[in-house]
């Protein structure tokens, strides 16, 4: 799933926002996807989880 998003969002970012040509952007996205598949690379992401609960109404 992440690999599909890399190409979709990455190509838009690099071509439309940063002004890259499509060819070099596709090459970079292919390298990024290859690195994502590499089992020796471990990505760590800091996450914040917030959860709530509806208050119980006691009668």
Protein backbone atom coordinates (compact mmCIF):
# COMPACT_ATOMS: atom_id res chain seq x y z
CA UNK A 1 0.00 0.00 0.00
CA UNK A 2 2.78 2.41 0.90
CA UNK A 3 4.58 1.61 -2.34
CA UNK A 4 1.51 2.57 -4.38
CA UNK A 5 1.14 5.82 -2.46
CA UNK A 6 4.80 6.69 -3.01
CA UNK A 7 4.34 6.86 -6.76
CA UNK A 8 0.98 8.62 -6.68
CA UNK A 9 1.88 11.30 -4.16
CA UNK A 10 5.55 11.45 -5.04
CA UNK A 11 5.03 12.06 -8.73
CA UNK A 12 2.54 14.83 -8.04
CA UNK A 13 4.83 16.47 -5.50
CA UNK A 14 7.97 16.32 -7.60
CA UNK A 15 6.39 17.24 -10.96
CA UNK A 16 3.68 19.73 -10.08
CA UNK A 17 5.03 21.32 -6.91
CA UNK A 18 8.81 21.09 -7.33
CA UNK A 19 8.82 21.37 -11.12
CA UNK A 20 10.73 18.16 -11.94
CA UNK A 21 10.37 16.42 -15.29
CA UNK A 22 8.34 13.19 -15.22
CA UNK A 23 11.27 10.92 -16.19
CA UNK A 24 13.64 11.79 -13.33
CA UNK A 25 10.73 11.78 -10.87
CA UNK A 26 9.76 8.25 -11.96
CA UNK A 27 13.35 7.09 -11.53
CA UNK A 28 13.44 8.52 -8.01
CA UNK A 29 10.09 6.88 -7.15
CA UNK A 30 11.42 3.52 -8.40
CA UNK A 31 14.47 3.91 -6.13
CA UNK A 32 12.26 4.83 -3.17
CA UNK A 33 10.02 1.80 -3.76
CA UNK A 34 13.08 -0.46 -4.02
CA UNK A 35 14.35 0.85 -0.68
CA UNK A 36 10.94 0.28 0.90
CA UNK A 37 11.11 -3.40 -0.13
CA UNK A 38 14.61 -3.80 1.34
CA UNK A 39 14.34 -5.99 4.45
CA UNK A 40 17.52 -4.44 5.89
CA UNK A 41 15.93 -0.99 6.06
CA UNK A 42 13.81 -0.33 9.11
CA UNK A 43 11.63 2.76 9.20
CA UNK A 44 10.47 4.17 12.48
CA UNK A 45 7.52 6.52 12.67
CA UNK A 46 6.49 8.48 15.73
CA UNK A 47 2.75 8.19 16.20
CA UNK A 48 0.35 9.86 18.56
CA UNK A 49 -2.87 8.02 19.29
CA UNK A 50 -5.81 9.80 20.85
CA UNK A 51 -8.97 7.99 21.74
CA UNK A 52 -12.12 8.97 23.51
CA UNK A 53 -15.22 7.44 24.88
CA UNK A 54 -18.72 8.71 25.03
CA UNK A 55 -19.69 9.35 28.66
CA UNK A 56 -22.14 6.90 30.21
CA UNK A 57 -25.45 8.41 31.27
CA UNK A 58 -26.52 7.04 34.65
CA UNK A 59 -30.14 7.33 35.71
